[in-house]
N, C-alpha and C. Protein backbone atom coordinates (compact mmCIF):
# COMPACT_ATOMS: atom_id res chain seq x y z
N MET A 1 240.40 -71.00 -49.17
CA MET A 1 239.27 -71.55 -48.43
C MET A 1 239.66 -71.80 -46.98
N LYS A 2 238.78 -71.45 -46.04
CA LYS A 2 239.08 -71.64 -44.63
C LYS A 2 239.16 -73.12 -44.27
N ALA A 3 239.98 -73.41 -43.26
CA ALA A 3 240.14 -74.79 -42.83
C ALA A 3 238.81 -75.40 -42.39
N SER A 4 237.97 -74.58 -41.72
CA SER A 4 236.68 -75.08 -41.26
C SER A 4 235.79 -75.49 -42.43
N HIS A 5 235.90 -74.75 -43.55
CA HIS A 5 235.11 -75.08 -44.73
C HIS A 5 235.61 -76.38 -45.36
N ILE A 6 236.93 -76.54 -45.41
CA ILE A 6 237.51 -77.76 -45.96
C ILE A 6 237.08 -78.96 -45.13
N GLY A 7 237.13 -78.80 -43.81
CA GLY A 7 236.72 -79.88 -42.92
C GLY A 7 235.26 -80.23 -43.11
N ALA A 8 234.44 -79.21 -43.30
CA ALA A 8 233.00 -79.44 -43.50
C ALA A 8 232.75 -80.21 -44.78
N ILE A 9 233.50 -79.88 -45.83
CA ILE A 9 233.33 -80.57 -47.10
C ILE A 9 233.78 -82.02 -46.97
N VAL A 10 234.88 -82.26 -46.28
CA VAL A 10 235.37 -83.63 -46.07
C VAL A 10 234.33 -84.46 -45.33
N LEU A 11 233.74 -83.86 -44.29
CA LEU A 11 232.71 -84.58 -43.53
C LEU A 11 231.49 -84.86 -44.39
N ALA A 12 231.11 -83.89 -45.21
CA ALA A 12 229.94 -84.07 -46.07
C ALA A 12 230.17 -85.18 -47.07
N VAL A 13 231.35 -85.19 -47.68
CA VAL A 13 231.67 -86.23 -48.66
C VAL A 13 231.74 -87.59 -47.99
N SER A 14 232.31 -87.65 -46.80
CA SER A 14 232.39 -88.91 -46.07
C SER A 14 230.99 -89.44 -45.77
N GLY A 15 230.11 -88.52 -45.39
CA GLY A 15 228.73 -88.91 -45.10
C GLY A 15 228.04 -89.45 -46.33
N LEU A 16 228.30 -88.82 -47.49
CA LEU A 16 227.69 -89.29 -48.72
C LEU A 16 228.20 -90.67 -49.09
N MET A 17 229.50 -90.90 -48.91
CA MET A 17 230.07 -92.20 -49.23
C MET A 17 229.43 -93.28 -48.37
N THR A 18 229.22 -92.95 -47.09
CA THR A 18 228.58 -93.90 -46.20
C THR A 18 227.17 -94.19 -46.66
N PHE A 19 226.45 -93.13 -47.06
CA PHE A 19 225.08 -93.30 -47.53
C PHE A 19 225.05 -94.12 -48.82
N ALA A 20 225.93 -93.78 -49.76
CA ALA A 20 225.94 -94.45 -51.06
C ALA A 20 226.25 -95.93 -50.94
N ALA A 21 227.03 -96.29 -49.93
CA ALA A 21 227.42 -97.68 -49.74
C ALA A 21 226.21 -98.55 -49.43
N SER A 22 225.16 -97.95 -48.92
CA SER A 22 223.96 -98.70 -48.58
C SER A 22 222.73 -97.86 -48.96
N ALA A 23 222.63 -97.52 -50.26
CA ALA A 23 221.54 -96.67 -50.74
C ALA A 23 220.19 -97.29 -50.43
N GLY A 24 219.20 -96.40 -50.28
CA GLY A 24 217.89 -96.86 -49.88
C GLY A 24 217.09 -97.53 -50.98
N ASP A 25 215.99 -98.15 -50.57
CA ASP A 25 215.06 -98.84 -51.44
C ASP A 25 213.91 -97.90 -51.78
N ILE A 26 213.77 -97.54 -53.05
CA ILE A 26 212.77 -96.56 -53.46
C ILE A 26 211.35 -97.04 -53.15
N GLU A 27 211.06 -98.28 -53.46
CA GLU A 27 209.70 -98.80 -53.24
C GLU A 27 209.36 -98.86 -51.75
N ALA A 28 210.33 -99.24 -50.95
CA ALA A 28 210.11 -99.27 -49.50
C ALA A 28 209.91 -97.85 -48.99
N GLY A 29 210.65 -96.91 -49.57
CA GLY A 29 210.51 -95.51 -49.18
C GLY A 29 209.15 -94.96 -49.56
N LYS A 30 208.64 -95.36 -50.71
CA LYS A 30 207.32 -94.92 -51.15
C LYS A 30 206.25 -95.38 -50.18
N ALA A 31 206.36 -96.62 -49.75
CA ALA A 31 205.38 -97.16 -48.79
C ALA A 31 205.46 -96.42 -47.46
N LYS A 32 206.66 -96.14 -47.02
CA LYS A 32 206.86 -95.47 -45.74
C LYS A 32 206.43 -93.99 -45.82
N SER A 33 206.43 -93.42 -47.03
CA SER A 33 206.14 -91.99 -47.18
C SER A 33 204.68 -91.63 -46.99
N ALA A 34 203.80 -92.62 -46.88
CA ALA A 34 202.37 -92.34 -46.76
C ALA A 34 202.08 -91.38 -45.62
N VAL A 35 202.78 -91.55 -44.51
CA VAL A 35 202.55 -90.69 -43.35
C VAL A 35 203.13 -89.29 -43.56
N CYS A 36 204.07 -89.15 -44.48
CA CYS A 36 204.70 -87.85 -44.76
C CYS A 36 203.87 -87.00 -45.72
N ALA A 37 202.97 -87.67 -46.46
CA ALA A 37 202.25 -87.01 -47.55
C ALA A 37 201.38 -85.85 -47.09
N ALA A 38 200.87 -85.89 -45.88
CA ALA A 38 199.97 -84.83 -45.40
C ALA A 38 200.65 -83.47 -45.45
N CYS A 39 201.94 -83.43 -45.20
CA CYS A 39 202.68 -82.15 -45.23
C CYS A 39 203.48 -81.98 -46.51
N HIS A 40 204.13 -83.03 -46.97
CA HIS A 40 205.08 -82.91 -48.07
C HIS A 40 204.53 -83.34 -49.43
N GLY A 41 203.26 -83.77 -49.46
CA GLY A 41 202.66 -84.19 -50.72
C GLY A 41 202.98 -85.65 -51.02
N ALA A 42 202.07 -86.30 -51.74
CA ALA A 42 202.24 -87.72 -52.04
C ALA A 42 203.51 -88.00 -52.84
N ASP A 43 203.89 -87.04 -53.70
CA ASP A 43 205.09 -87.21 -54.52
C ASP A 43 206.24 -86.32 -54.07
N GLY A 44 206.10 -85.76 -52.87
CA GLY A 44 207.17 -84.91 -52.35
C GLY A 44 207.04 -83.45 -52.73
N ASN A 45 205.98 -83.09 -53.45
CA ASN A 45 205.74 -81.69 -53.80
C ASN A 45 204.68 -81.13 -52.86
N SER A 46 205.12 -80.35 -51.90
CA SER A 46 204.22 -79.80 -50.89
C SER A 46 203.30 -78.75 -51.47
N ASN A 47 202.04 -78.77 -51.02
CA ASN A 47 201.06 -77.77 -51.47
C ASN A 47 200.96 -76.60 -50.49
N ASN A 48 201.71 -76.68 -49.41
CA ASN A 48 201.67 -75.64 -48.37
C ASN A 48 203.07 -75.07 -48.22
N SER A 49 203.21 -73.75 -48.39
CA SER A 49 204.53 -73.12 -48.37
C SER A 49 205.20 -73.17 -47.00
N ALA A 50 204.46 -73.59 -45.97
CA ALA A 50 205.07 -73.72 -44.65
C ALA A 50 205.95 -74.96 -44.57
N TRP A 51 205.72 -75.91 -45.48
CA TRP A 51 206.45 -77.17 -45.47
C TRP A 51 207.23 -77.33 -46.76
N PRO A 52 208.45 -77.81 -46.70
CA PRO A 52 209.27 -77.89 -47.90
C PRO A 52 208.84 -78.98 -48.86
N SER A 53 209.07 -78.74 -50.13
CA SER A 53 208.95 -79.80 -51.12
C SER A 53 210.24 -80.62 -51.06
N LEU A 54 210.08 -81.93 -51.14
CA LEU A 54 211.22 -82.84 -51.03
C LEU A 54 211.56 -83.52 -52.35
N ALA A 55 210.66 -83.44 -53.32
CA ALA A 55 210.86 -84.12 -54.60
C ALA A 55 212.14 -83.65 -55.29
N GLY A 56 212.96 -84.62 -55.70
CA GLY A 56 214.19 -84.30 -56.42
C GLY A 56 215.35 -83.88 -55.55
N GLN A 57 215.13 -83.83 -54.24
CA GLN A 57 216.22 -83.44 -53.34
C GLN A 57 217.24 -84.57 -53.24
N HIS A 58 218.50 -84.22 -53.06
CA HIS A 58 219.55 -85.24 -52.95
C HIS A 58 219.27 -86.15 -51.77
N ALA A 59 219.36 -87.46 -52.00
CA ALA A 59 219.09 -88.43 -50.94
C ALA A 59 220.06 -88.25 -49.77
N SER A 60 221.30 -87.92 -50.09
CA SER A 60 222.29 -87.74 -49.02
C SER A 60 221.90 -86.59 -48.10
N TYR A 61 221.37 -85.52 -48.68
CA TYR A 61 220.95 -84.37 -47.88
C TYR A 61 219.72 -84.71 -47.05
N LEU A 62 218.74 -85.37 -47.66
CA LEU A 62 217.53 -85.75 -46.93
C LEU A 62 217.85 -86.68 -45.77
N TYR A 63 218.73 -87.64 -46.03
CA TYR A 63 219.12 -88.56 -44.97
C TYR A 63 219.78 -87.81 -43.82
N LYS A 64 220.64 -86.85 -44.14
CA LYS A 64 221.29 -86.07 -43.10
C LYS A 64 220.29 -85.30 -42.26
N GLN A 65 219.31 -84.68 -42.94
CA GLN A 65 218.32 -83.89 -42.19
C GLN A 65 217.49 -84.78 -41.27
N LEU A 66 217.06 -85.94 -41.76
CA LEU A 66 216.31 -86.86 -40.92
C LEU A 66 217.16 -87.31 -39.73
N SER A 67 218.43 -87.60 -39.99
CA SER A 67 219.34 -88.01 -38.92
C SER A 67 219.53 -86.89 -37.91
N ASP A 68 219.61 -85.66 -38.41
CA ASP A 68 219.80 -84.51 -37.52
C ASP A 68 218.56 -84.28 -36.65
N TYR A 69 217.39 -84.45 -37.22
CA TYR A 69 216.16 -84.34 -36.40
C TYR A 69 216.16 -85.42 -35.32
N LYS A 70 216.52 -86.62 -35.70
CA LYS A 70 216.50 -87.75 -34.77
C LYS A 70 217.50 -87.56 -33.63
N ALA A 71 218.65 -86.96 -33.97
CA ALA A 71 219.71 -86.76 -32.98
C ALA A 71 219.58 -85.45 -32.22
N GLY A 72 218.61 -84.61 -32.60
CA GLY A 72 218.43 -83.34 -31.92
C GLY A 72 219.32 -82.23 -32.42
N ARG A 73 220.01 -82.46 -33.54
CA ARG A 73 220.87 -81.41 -34.11
C ARG A 73 220.05 -80.38 -34.89
N ARG A 74 218.84 -80.76 -35.25
CA ARG A 74 217.90 -79.84 -35.89
C ARG A 74 216.56 -80.00 -35.18
N ASN A 75 215.92 -78.89 -34.86
CA ASN A 75 214.72 -78.97 -34.03
C ASN A 75 213.46 -78.50 -34.74
N ASN A 76 212.45 -79.32 -34.65
CA ASN A 76 211.11 -78.99 -35.13
C ASN A 76 210.18 -80.00 -34.45
N ALA A 77 209.21 -79.49 -33.73
CA ALA A 77 208.36 -80.36 -32.92
C ALA A 77 207.70 -81.46 -33.76
N SER A 78 207.18 -81.09 -34.92
CA SER A 78 206.50 -82.07 -35.76
C SER A 78 207.47 -83.12 -36.29
N MET A 79 208.62 -82.66 -36.79
CA MET A 79 209.58 -83.61 -37.37
C MET A 79 210.24 -84.48 -36.31
N THR A 80 210.45 -83.93 -35.13
CA THR A 80 211.05 -84.74 -34.06
C THR A 80 210.15 -85.92 -33.74
N GLY A 81 208.85 -85.66 -33.71
CA GLY A 81 207.91 -86.74 -33.46
C GLY A 81 207.87 -87.73 -34.60
N MET A 82 207.95 -87.25 -35.83
CA MET A 82 207.87 -88.13 -36.99
C MET A 82 209.07 -89.07 -37.10
N VAL A 83 210.26 -88.54 -36.82
CA VAL A 83 211.46 -89.37 -37.01
C VAL A 83 211.71 -90.32 -35.84
N ALA A 84 211.02 -90.11 -34.75
CA ALA A 84 211.25 -90.95 -33.56
C ALA A 84 211.05 -92.43 -33.85
N LEU A 85 210.13 -92.74 -34.75
CA LEU A 85 209.82 -94.14 -35.05
C LEU A 85 210.55 -94.67 -36.28
N LEU A 86 211.41 -93.84 -36.86
CA LEU A 86 212.15 -94.28 -38.05
C LEU A 86 213.49 -94.89 -37.67
N ASN A 87 213.85 -95.99 -38.34
CA ASN A 87 215.18 -96.56 -38.15
C ASN A 87 216.08 -96.13 -39.31
N GLU A 88 217.32 -96.58 -39.31
CA GLU A 88 218.27 -96.17 -40.35
C GLU A 88 217.78 -96.52 -41.74
N ASP A 89 217.27 -97.75 -41.92
CA ASP A 89 216.79 -98.15 -43.24
C ASP A 89 215.61 -97.30 -43.68
N ASP A 90 214.70 -97.00 -42.75
CA ASP A 90 213.55 -96.15 -43.08
C ASP A 90 214.02 -94.81 -43.63
N MET A 91 214.98 -94.20 -42.97
CA MET A 91 215.46 -92.88 -43.38
C MET A 91 216.14 -92.94 -44.74
N LYS A 92 216.93 -93.98 -44.98
CA LYS A 92 217.58 -94.13 -46.28
C LYS A 92 216.56 -94.40 -47.38
N ASN A 93 215.55 -95.20 -47.07
CA ASN A 93 214.53 -95.52 -48.07
C ASN A 93 213.70 -94.29 -48.42
N LEU A 94 213.31 -93.52 -47.42
CA LEU A 94 212.56 -92.29 -47.67
C LEU A 94 213.37 -91.32 -48.51
N ALA A 95 214.65 -91.18 -48.16
CA ALA A 95 215.53 -90.27 -48.91
C ALA A 95 215.64 -90.69 -50.36
N ALA A 96 215.79 -91.99 -50.59
CA ALA A 96 215.90 -92.50 -51.96
C ALA A 96 214.61 -92.27 -52.74
N TYR A 97 213.47 -92.47 -52.08
CA TYR A 97 212.19 -92.26 -52.75
C TYR A 97 212.00 -90.81 -53.17
N TYR A 98 212.21 -89.90 -52.26
CA TYR A 98 211.98 -88.50 -52.59
C TYR A 98 212.97 -88.00 -53.64
N GLU A 99 214.20 -88.48 -53.60
CA GLU A 99 215.16 -88.09 -54.63
C GLU A 99 214.69 -88.52 -56.02
N SER A 100 213.97 -89.63 -56.09
CA SER A 100 213.53 -90.17 -57.38
C SER A 100 212.32 -89.43 -57.97
N GLN A 101 211.71 -88.55 -57.20
CA GLN A 101 210.51 -87.86 -57.66
C GLN A 101 210.85 -86.58 -58.42
N GLN A 102 209.93 -86.16 -59.26
CA GLN A 102 210.14 -84.98 -60.11
C GLN A 102 209.62 -83.72 -59.40
N PRO A 103 210.50 -82.74 -59.17
CA PRO A 103 210.04 -81.51 -58.51
C PRO A 103 209.18 -80.66 -59.43
N LYS A 104 208.22 -79.95 -58.85
CA LYS A 104 207.36 -79.04 -59.59
C LYS A 104 207.74 -77.60 -59.25
N SER A 105 207.28 -76.66 -60.03
CA SER A 105 207.60 -75.26 -59.79
C SER A 105 206.77 -74.71 -58.65
N ALA A 106 207.24 -73.63 -58.06
CA ALA A 106 206.54 -72.97 -56.96
C ALA A 106 206.19 -71.55 -57.36
N ALA A 107 205.18 -70.98 -56.73
CA ALA A 107 204.79 -69.60 -57.00
C ALA A 107 205.83 -68.65 -56.42
N PHE A 108 206.07 -67.51 -57.08
CA PHE A 108 207.05 -66.56 -56.59
C PHE A 108 206.69 -65.16 -57.06
N ASN A 109 207.28 -64.16 -56.43
CA ASN A 109 207.05 -62.75 -56.78
C ASN A 109 208.03 -62.35 -57.88
N ALA A 110 207.52 -62.20 -59.09
CA ALA A 110 208.38 -61.91 -60.24
C ALA A 110 209.08 -60.56 -60.11
N GLU A 111 208.53 -59.64 -59.33
CA GLU A 111 209.13 -58.31 -59.18
C GLU A 111 210.46 -58.36 -58.44
N LEU A 112 210.71 -59.47 -57.73
CA LEU A 112 211.94 -59.58 -56.95
C LEU A 112 213.04 -60.35 -57.68
N ILE A 113 212.72 -60.86 -58.86
CA ILE A 113 213.64 -61.76 -59.56
C ILE A 113 214.99 -61.11 -59.88
N GLU A 114 215.01 -59.91 -60.39
CA GLU A 114 216.27 -59.28 -60.78
C GLU A 114 217.21 -59.12 -59.60
N THR A 115 216.68 -58.59 -58.50
CA THR A 115 217.50 -58.42 -57.29
C THR A 115 217.95 -59.78 -56.77
N GLY A 116 217.03 -60.73 -56.76
CA GLY A 116 217.36 -62.07 -56.28
C GLY A 116 218.42 -62.75 -57.10
N GLU A 117 218.34 -62.57 -58.42
CA GLU A 117 219.34 -63.18 -59.29
C GLU A 117 220.72 -62.59 -59.04
N ASN A 118 220.78 -61.28 -58.82
CA ASN A 118 222.07 -60.64 -58.54
C ASN A 118 222.70 -61.22 -57.29
N ILE A 119 221.88 -61.48 -56.28
CA ILE A 119 222.40 -62.04 -55.03
C ILE A 119 222.81 -63.49 -55.23
N TYR A 120 221.95 -64.26 -55.87
CA TYR A 120 222.22 -65.69 -56.06
C TYR A 120 223.49 -65.92 -56.88
N ARG A 121 223.66 -65.12 -57.92
CA ARG A 121 224.79 -65.32 -58.82
C ARG A 121 226.04 -64.51 -58.46
N GLY A 122 225.84 -63.38 -57.78
CA GLY A 122 226.99 -62.53 -57.48
C GLY A 122 227.25 -62.25 -56.02
N GLY A 123 226.35 -62.71 -55.15
CA GLY A 123 226.52 -62.45 -53.73
C GLY A 123 226.17 -61.01 -53.38
N ILE A 124 226.55 -60.59 -52.19
CA ILE A 124 226.32 -59.21 -51.74
C ILE A 124 227.67 -58.65 -51.32
N THR A 125 228.29 -57.91 -52.21
CA THR A 125 229.65 -57.43 -52.00
C THR A 125 229.79 -56.58 -50.74
N GLU A 126 228.80 -55.71 -50.50
CA GLU A 126 228.88 -54.78 -49.38
C GLU A 126 228.98 -55.46 -48.03
N THR A 127 228.35 -56.61 -47.90
CA THR A 127 228.36 -57.31 -46.60
C THR A 127 229.12 -58.63 -46.64
N GLY A 128 229.75 -58.92 -47.76
CA GLY A 128 230.58 -60.11 -47.84
C GLY A 128 229.82 -61.42 -47.92
N VAL A 129 228.62 -61.39 -48.47
CA VAL A 129 227.85 -62.62 -48.65
C VAL A 129 228.25 -63.26 -49.98
N ALA A 130 228.69 -64.49 -49.93
CA ALA A 130 229.12 -65.18 -51.14
C ALA A 130 227.93 -65.51 -52.05
N ALA A 131 228.21 -65.69 -53.33
CA ALA A 131 227.17 -66.08 -54.28
C ALA A 131 226.59 -67.43 -53.88
N CYS A 132 225.27 -67.52 -53.85
CA CYS A 132 224.60 -68.76 -53.48
C CYS A 132 224.96 -69.90 -54.43
N MET A 133 225.15 -69.54 -55.71
CA MET A 133 225.39 -70.58 -56.70
C MET A 133 226.74 -71.28 -56.51
N SER A 134 227.62 -70.69 -55.72
CA SER A 134 228.91 -71.34 -55.50
C SER A 134 228.76 -72.67 -54.78
N CYS A 135 227.70 -72.82 -54.02
CA CYS A 135 227.41 -74.11 -53.37
C CYS A 135 226.20 -74.80 -53.99
N HIS A 136 225.18 -74.01 -54.32
CA HIS A 136 223.92 -74.59 -54.77
C HIS A 136 223.81 -74.70 -56.29
N ALA A 137 224.86 -74.33 -57.00
CA ALA A 137 224.98 -74.46 -58.46
C ALA A 137 224.16 -73.40 -59.19
N PRO A 138 224.62 -72.98 -60.36
CA PRO A 138 223.87 -72.00 -61.15
C PRO A 138 222.44 -72.46 -61.45
N SER A 139 222.26 -73.76 -61.57
CA SER A 139 220.95 -74.32 -61.89
C SER A 139 220.06 -74.51 -60.67
N GLY A 140 220.63 -74.30 -59.48
CA GLY A 140 219.86 -74.52 -58.26
C GLY A 140 219.75 -75.98 -57.88
N LYS A 141 220.49 -76.85 -58.57
CA LYS A 141 220.40 -78.28 -58.30
C LYS A 141 221.27 -78.73 -57.14
N GLY A 142 222.04 -77.82 -56.57
CA GLY A 142 222.88 -78.19 -55.44
C GLY A 142 224.05 -79.06 -55.83
N ASN A 143 224.62 -79.72 -54.84
CA ASN A 143 225.77 -80.60 -55.06
C ASN A 143 225.68 -81.76 -54.08
N GLY A 144 225.13 -82.86 -54.54
CA GLY A 144 224.94 -84.02 -53.67
C GLY A 144 226.21 -84.51 -52.99
N PRO A 145 227.31 -84.72 -53.75
CA PRO A 145 228.54 -85.21 -53.13
C PRO A 145 229.08 -84.30 -52.03
N ALA A 146 228.86 -82.99 -52.17
CA ALA A 146 229.35 -82.06 -51.15
C ALA A 146 228.34 -81.86 -50.03
N GLY A 147 227.12 -82.35 -50.24
CA GLY A 147 226.09 -82.22 -49.20
C GLY A 147 225.28 -80.94 -49.29
N TRP A 148 225.40 -80.19 -50.42
CA TRP A 148 224.65 -78.95 -50.55
C TRP A 148 223.31 -79.25 -51.22
N PRO A 149 222.21 -78.80 -50.62
CA PRO A 149 220.89 -79.16 -51.13
C PRO A 149 220.51 -78.48 -52.44
N ALA A 150 219.63 -79.15 -53.18
CA ALA A 150 218.98 -78.53 -54.33
C ALA A 150 217.97 -77.53 -53.79
N LEU A 151 217.85 -76.38 -54.45
CA LEU A 151 216.94 -75.34 -53.98
C LEU A 151 215.88 -74.96 -54.99
N ARG A 152 216.13 -75.16 -56.26
CA ARG A 152 215.23 -74.64 -57.29
C ARG A 152 213.81 -75.19 -57.11
N GLY A 153 212.85 -74.31 -57.29
CA GLY A 153 211.46 -74.71 -57.18
C GLY A 153 210.94 -74.80 -55.76
N GLN A 154 211.79 -74.53 -54.77
CA GLN A 154 211.35 -74.59 -53.38
C GLN A 154 210.45 -73.40 -53.06
N HIS A 155 209.50 -73.58 -52.17
CA HIS A 155 208.63 -72.47 -51.77
C HIS A 155 209.48 -71.32 -51.24
N PRO A 156 209.33 -70.11 -51.76
CA PRO A 156 210.13 -68.98 -51.27
C PRO A 156 209.87 -68.69 -49.80
N GLU A 157 208.64 -68.88 -49.34
CA GLU A 157 208.34 -68.64 -47.92
C GLU A 157 209.14 -69.58 -47.03
N TYR A 158 209.29 -70.82 -47.48
CA TYR A 158 210.07 -71.79 -46.69
C TYR A 158 211.55 -71.41 -46.68
N ILE A 159 212.05 -70.97 -47.83
CA ILE A 159 213.46 -70.57 -47.90
C ILE A 159 213.73 -69.41 -46.95
N VAL A 160 212.85 -68.42 -46.94
CA VAL A 160 213.01 -67.27 -46.05
C VAL A 160 212.98 -67.72 -44.60
N THR A 161 212.07 -68.62 -44.27
CA THR A 161 211.97 -69.12 -42.90
C THR A 161 213.28 -69.77 -42.46
N GLN A 162 213.88 -70.55 -43.35
CA GLN A 162 215.14 -71.22 -43.01
C GLN A 162 216.30 -70.24 -42.91
N LEU A 163 216.34 -69.25 -43.80
CA LEU A 163 217.39 -68.23 -43.72
C LEU A 163 217.30 -67.47 -42.40
N LYS A 164 216.08 -67.14 -41.99
CA LYS A 164 215.91 -66.44 -40.71
C LYS A 164 216.28 -67.34 -39.54
N ALA A 165 215.98 -68.62 -39.66
CA ALA A 165 216.35 -69.56 -38.60
C ALA A 165 217.87 -69.65 -38.46
N PHE A 166 218.58 -69.68 -39.60
CA PHE A 166 220.03 -69.67 -39.56
C PHE A 166 220.54 -68.35 -38.96
N GLN A 167 219.94 -67.25 -39.38
CA GLN A 167 220.34 -65.93 -38.91
C GLN A 167 220.19 -65.80 -37.40
N GLU A 168 219.11 -66.34 -36.87
CA GLU A 168 218.82 -66.22 -35.44
C GLU A 168 219.41 -67.35 -34.61
N GLY A 169 220.10 -68.28 -35.27
CA GLY A 169 220.71 -69.38 -34.55
C GLY A 169 219.73 -70.46 -34.13
N LEU A 170 218.52 -70.40 -34.66
CA LEU A 170 217.52 -71.42 -34.33
C LEU A 170 217.78 -72.71 -35.10
N ARG A 171 218.51 -72.57 -36.19
CA ARG A 171 218.97 -73.74 -36.95
C ARG A 171 220.48 -73.67 -37.03
N ALA A 172 221.14 -74.75 -36.65
CA ALA A 172 222.60 -74.72 -36.57
C ALA A 172 223.24 -76.02 -37.06
N ASN A 173 222.60 -76.69 -38.01
CA ASN A 173 223.17 -77.95 -38.50
C ASN A 173 223.83 -77.79 -39.86
N ASP A 174 224.30 -76.57 -40.14
CA ASP A 174 225.01 -76.30 -41.38
C ASP A 174 226.50 -76.55 -41.20
N ALA A 175 227.11 -77.16 -42.19
CA ALA A 175 228.54 -77.47 -42.11
C ALA A 175 229.38 -76.20 -42.09
N GLY A 176 230.28 -76.11 -41.14
CA GLY A 176 231.20 -74.98 -41.08
C GLY A 176 230.54 -73.63 -40.85
N ARG A 177 229.30 -73.62 -40.36
CA ARG A 177 228.54 -72.40 -40.11
C ARG A 177 228.32 -71.57 -41.37
N MET A 178 228.44 -72.20 -42.52
CA MET A 178 228.37 -71.43 -43.77
C MET A 178 227.04 -70.71 -43.95
N MET A 179 225.93 -71.38 -43.67
CA MET A 179 224.63 -70.73 -43.83
C MET A 179 224.39 -69.70 -42.72
N ARG A 180 224.82 -70.00 -41.53
CA ARG A 180 224.65 -69.02 -40.45
C ARG A 180 225.44 -67.75 -40.73
N ASN A 181 226.65 -67.91 -41.23
CA ASN A 181 227.48 -66.74 -41.54
C ASN A 181 226.89 -65.91 -42.66
N ALA A 182 226.35 -66.58 -43.69
CA ALA A 182 225.77 -65.85 -44.81
C ALA A 182 224.48 -65.15 -44.40
N ALA A 183 223.60 -65.88 -43.72
CA ALA A 183 222.30 -65.31 -43.34
C ALA A 183 222.45 -64.15 -42.37
N ALA A 184 223.48 -64.20 -41.54
CA ALA A 184 223.70 -63.15 -40.55
C ALA A 184 223.92 -61.79 -41.20
N ARG A 185 224.35 -61.80 -42.47
CA ARG A 185 224.67 -60.56 -43.17
C ARG A 185 223.59 -60.13 -44.16
N MET A 186 222.46 -60.82 -44.12
CA MET A 186 221.39 -60.52 -45.08
C MET A 186 220.22 -59.81 -44.42
N SER A 187 219.62 -58.87 -45.15
CA SER A 187 218.41 -58.20 -44.67
C SER A 187 217.20 -59.05 -45.04
N ALA A 188 216.07 -58.74 -44.43
CA ALA A 188 214.84 -59.47 -44.74
C ALA A 188 214.48 -59.31 -46.22
N GLN A 189 214.71 -58.13 -46.76
CA GLN A 189 214.39 -57.88 -48.17
C GLN A 189 215.29 -58.70 -49.10
N GLU A 190 216.55 -58.82 -48.74
CA GLU A 190 217.48 -59.61 -49.55
C GLU A 190 217.11 -61.09 -49.51
N MET A 191 216.69 -61.55 -48.35
CA MET A 191 216.24 -62.94 -48.23
C MET A 191 215.03 -63.21 -49.12
N GLU A 192 214.08 -62.31 -49.09
CA GLU A 192 212.86 -62.48 -49.89
C GLU A 192 213.18 -62.46 -51.38
N ALA A 193 214.11 -61.60 -51.77
CA ALA A 193 214.46 -61.50 -53.18
C ALA A 193 215.16 -62.76 -53.68
N VAL A 194 216.14 -63.24 -52.93
CA VAL A 194 216.86 -64.43 -53.39
C VAL A 194 215.97 -65.66 -53.34
N ALA A 195 215.03 -65.70 -52.38
CA ALA A 195 214.10 -66.81 -52.30
C ALA A 195 213.17 -66.84 -53.51
N ALA A 196 212.74 -65.67 -53.94
CA ALA A 196 211.88 -65.58 -55.13
C ALA A 196 212.63 -66.07 -56.37
N TYR A 197 213.89 -65.66 -56.50
CA TYR A 197 214.68 -66.10 -57.66
C TYR A 197 214.86 -67.61 -57.65
N ILE A 198 215.19 -68.17 -56.50
CA ILE A 198 215.41 -69.61 -56.38
C ILE A 198 214.14 -70.37 -56.78
N ALA A 199 213.00 -69.90 -56.29
CA ALA A 199 211.74 -70.57 -56.61
C ALA A 199 211.46 -70.55 -58.11
N GLY A 200 211.96 -69.54 -58.80
CA GLY A 200 211.69 -69.40 -60.22
C GLY A 200 212.71 -70.04 -61.14
N ILE A 201 213.80 -70.57 -60.59
CA ILE A 201 214.82 -71.20 -61.45
C ILE A 201 214.19 -72.39 -62.18
N GLN A 202 214.37 -72.41 -63.49
CA GLN A 202 213.83 -73.51 -64.30
C GLN A 202 214.93 -74.51 -64.66
C-alpha cells in the first residue's frame, strides 16, 4: 500500500475518533433536517436523482462532507449556502440523524448490472482501476471507521456525476486522491455500468 494511502486512512480514522467522541443528537438532527428535506427527502431518501440519498450513510462521512463544504474543500453553490448557518453541533446532529434512517432502493438499468458487477468486484485490469468493493465493501455498505461511504441504493445518476467530478478535478476532497485516480481511468460507459450495479445492491 502506498504511503499516501496509509496516511489517508490514518487521517480518516482520526477524524472518526474525534467524531465518535462527541456523537450527534438524533432528535436534534431530525429537527434541523427540515430544511434539508426539499432535496434529500424527509427521511434522507431523495426523490430526485440529482441529489443524493443520505439515509443510512455513515455519520462520520456525512460530517466530513458538511465540514468540507463549510471549509470550501468541496464546492456546490446550494450546499455552500446551506452549511453557512450550521455550527459543529448542527453538523454532527444532522449526520447522526441521517445515519439512523433506513435507505430505500433506487431505480437502475438492469442491462448494465453484469458489467457493473465485474468492475465493482474485480476492478478494471486493463487500466489499473481497483475493485470498488475493496473500500466500499462487497455489500456496498462502505467502511465508517476508514471514512469510506456507503454506496448501495444510491441514485446511479448521482454516482456518475460524482465520478465525473473526480475525473475532471471538480471534486478533490478524497483521501489520498484515491477516487480521482480511479475515476481518471474510467470511461463514461464504465461509470454508468458500475453506478447501475451499486444502485441495485441489496
